[in-house]
Amino acid sequence: MSIWSGVVAAVGALGVIIAGLFTARATRAAAAATAEATRAAALATAAPAQRAEDLKILQATVSRVDEENGSLRGRLHRLEILVRSFSSYVGQLTGQMRAHGIEPPAPPDAVEEYNRTGV
């Protein structure tokens, strides 16, 4: 074997080692890119399902709040009717007291405000 064939063999072996290193590095980079792409695809696939779940929760919350709101409106309406009834009743009692010569006590400030504004 000549010296030139030994040099070529050594350079060839060195070339194979260097090529192997580049290949290993490229393989790691490709594996990392593939893993990132897989993760992004999984997130993209899960996003519509998560949005649908969020929408379902939001709709349930809106439904519950609507139901509570209706209940509170009904209760408020009944209380307004009760206040008007008491107002009328107390007005009649005050009239009877005055008819018998008895001056009723002055109403509280909140009652005076209600009589003035109706609220």
Protein backbone atom coordinates (compact mmCIF):
# COMPACT_ATOMS: atom_id res chain seq x y z
CA MET A 1 0.00 0.00 0.00
CA SER A 2 1.39 3.37 -0.96
CA ILE A 3 1.49 6.40 1.20
CA TRP A 4 -1.18 8.00 -0.93
CA SER A 5 -3.63 5.22 -0.37
CA GLY A 6 -3.05 5.49 3.39
CA VAL A 7 -3.70 9.25 3.24
CA VAL A 8 -6.87 8.73 1.19
CA ALA A 9 -8.06 6.05 3.61
CA ALA A 10 -7.40 8.33 6.61
CA VAL A 11 -9.10 11.31 4.93
CA GLY A 12 -12.04 9.08 3.96
CA ALA A 13 -12.37 7.82 7.53
CA LEU A 14 -12.20 11.37 8.83
CA GLY A 15 -14.86 12.38 6.27
CA VAL A 16 -17.14 9.56 7.45
CA ILE A 17 -16.74 10.65 11.08
CA ILE A 18 -17.49 14.29 10.24
CA ALA A 19 -20.49 13.27 8.12
CA GLY A 20 -21.75 11.14 11.00
CA LEU A 21 -21.51 14.10 13.38
CA PHE A 22 -23.43 16.37 10.99
CA THR A 23 -26.05 13.67 10.47
CA ALA A 24 -26.50 13.17 14.21
CA ARG A 25 -26.88 16.91 14.76
CA ALA A 26 -29.39 17.21 11.91
CA THR A 27 -31.33 14.23 13.26
CA ARG A 28 -31.62 15.84 16.70
CA ALA A 29 -32.79 19.10 15.15
CA ALA A 30 -35.32 17.24 12.99
CA ALA A 31 -36.59 15.31 16.03
CA ALA A 32 -37.01 18.56 17.98
CA ALA A 33 -38.85 20.19 15.05
CA THR A 34 -41.10 17.14 14.70
CA ALA A 35 -41.88 17.17 18.42
CA GLU A 36 -42.74 20.89 18.27
CA ALA A 37 -44.96 20.35 15.22
CA THR A 38 -46.73 17.45 16.95
CA ARG A 39 -47.30 19.58 20.05
CA ALA A 40 -48.65 22.47 17.95
CA ALA A 41 -50.97 20.10 16.08
CA ALA A 42 -52.25 18.67 19.35
CA LEU A 43 -52.96 22.16 20.66
CA ALA A 44 -54.71 23.12 17.43
CA THR A 45 -56.84 20.00 17.61
CA ALA A 46 -57.71 20.56 21.27
CA ALA A 47 -58.56 24.27 20.87
CA PRO A 48 -62.02 23.79 19.26
CA ALA A 49 -62.97 21.21 21.88
CA GLN A 50 -61.84 23.55 24.65
CA ARG A 51 -63.78 26.44 23.11
CA ALA A 52 -66.89 24.27 22.86
CA GLU A 53 -66.49 23.34 26.53
CA ASP A 54 -66.01 27.02 27.47
CA LEU A 55 -69.13 27.93 25.48
CA LYS A 56 -71.14 25.24 27.26
CA ILE A 57 -70.03 26.60 30.65
CA LEU A 58 -70.83 30.16 29.60
CA GLN A 59 -74.30 29.17 28.37
CA ALA A 60 -75.02 27.36 31.64
CA THR A 61 -73.90 30.42 33.60
CA VAL A 62 -76.07 32.76 31.51
CA SER A 63 -79.05 30.44 31.94
CA ARG A 64 -78.55 30.34 35.72
CA VAL A 65 -78.18 34.13 35.94
CA ASP A 66 -81.31 34.60 33.79
CA GLU A 67 -83.26 32.30 36.10
CA GLU A 68 -81.99 34.12 39.22
CA ASN A 69 -82.76 37.47 37.60
CA GLY A 70 -86.34 36.39 36.84
CA SER A 71 -86.77 35.19 40.41
CA LEU A 72 -85.41 38.45 41.83
CA ARG A 73 -87.63 40.53 39.53
CA GLY A 74 -90.69 38.59 40.72
CA ARG A 75 -89.69 39.06 44.34
CA LEU A 76 -89.09 42.78 43.80
CA HIS A 77 -92.50 43.13 42.16
CA ARG A 78 -94.22 41.43 45.11
CA LEU A 79 -92.36 43.69 47.56
CA GLU A 80 -93.39 46.79 45.61
CA ILE A 81 -97.02 45.66 45.79
CA LEU A 82 -96.61 45.08 49.55
CA VAL A 83 -95.13 48.57 50.08
CA ARG A 84 -97.99 50.16 48.16
CA SER A 85 -100.52 48.15 50.18
CA PHE A 86 -98.91 49.16 53.47
CA SER A 87 -98.77 52.77 52.30
CA SER A 88 -102.48 52.76 51.55
CA TYR A 89 -103.32 50.99 54.82
CA VAL A 90 -101.23 53.36 56.93
CA GLY A 91 -102.83 56.30 55.09
CA GLN A 92 -106.27 55.00 56.05
CA LEU A 93 -105.22 54.47 59.68
CA THR A 94 -103.72 57.99 59.79
CA GLY A 95 -107.01 59.38 58.47
CA GLN A 96 -108.97 57.53 61.16
CA MET A 97 -106.62 58.80 63.87
CA ARG A 98 -107.07 62.39 62.71
CA ALA A 99 -110.86 61.89 62.48
CA HIS A 100 -110.81 60.97 66.17
CA GLY A 101 -108.62 63.92 67.12
CA ILE A 102 -105.37 62.00 67.45
CA GLU A 103 -102.33 63.40 65.64
CA PRO A 104 -100.14 60.51 64.37
CA PRO A 105 -96.38 60.68 64.82
CA ALA A 106 -94.32 62.10 61.96
CA PRO A 107 -93.27 59.42 59.50
CA PRO A 108 -89.60 58.47 59.12
CA ASP A 109 -87.53 60.25 56.46
CA ALA A 110 -87.60 57.22 54.16
CA VAL A 111 -91.43 57.26 54.20
CA GLU A 112 -91.48 60.99 53.46
CA GLU A 113 -89.14 60.42 50.51
CA TYR A 114 -91.31 57.56 49.25
CA ASN A 115 -94.43 59.71 49.51
CA ARG A 116 -92.70 62.49 47.55
CA THR A 117 -91.04 60.38 44.85
CA GLY A 118 -92.89 57.07 44.79
CA VAL A 119 -89.56 55.27 44.91
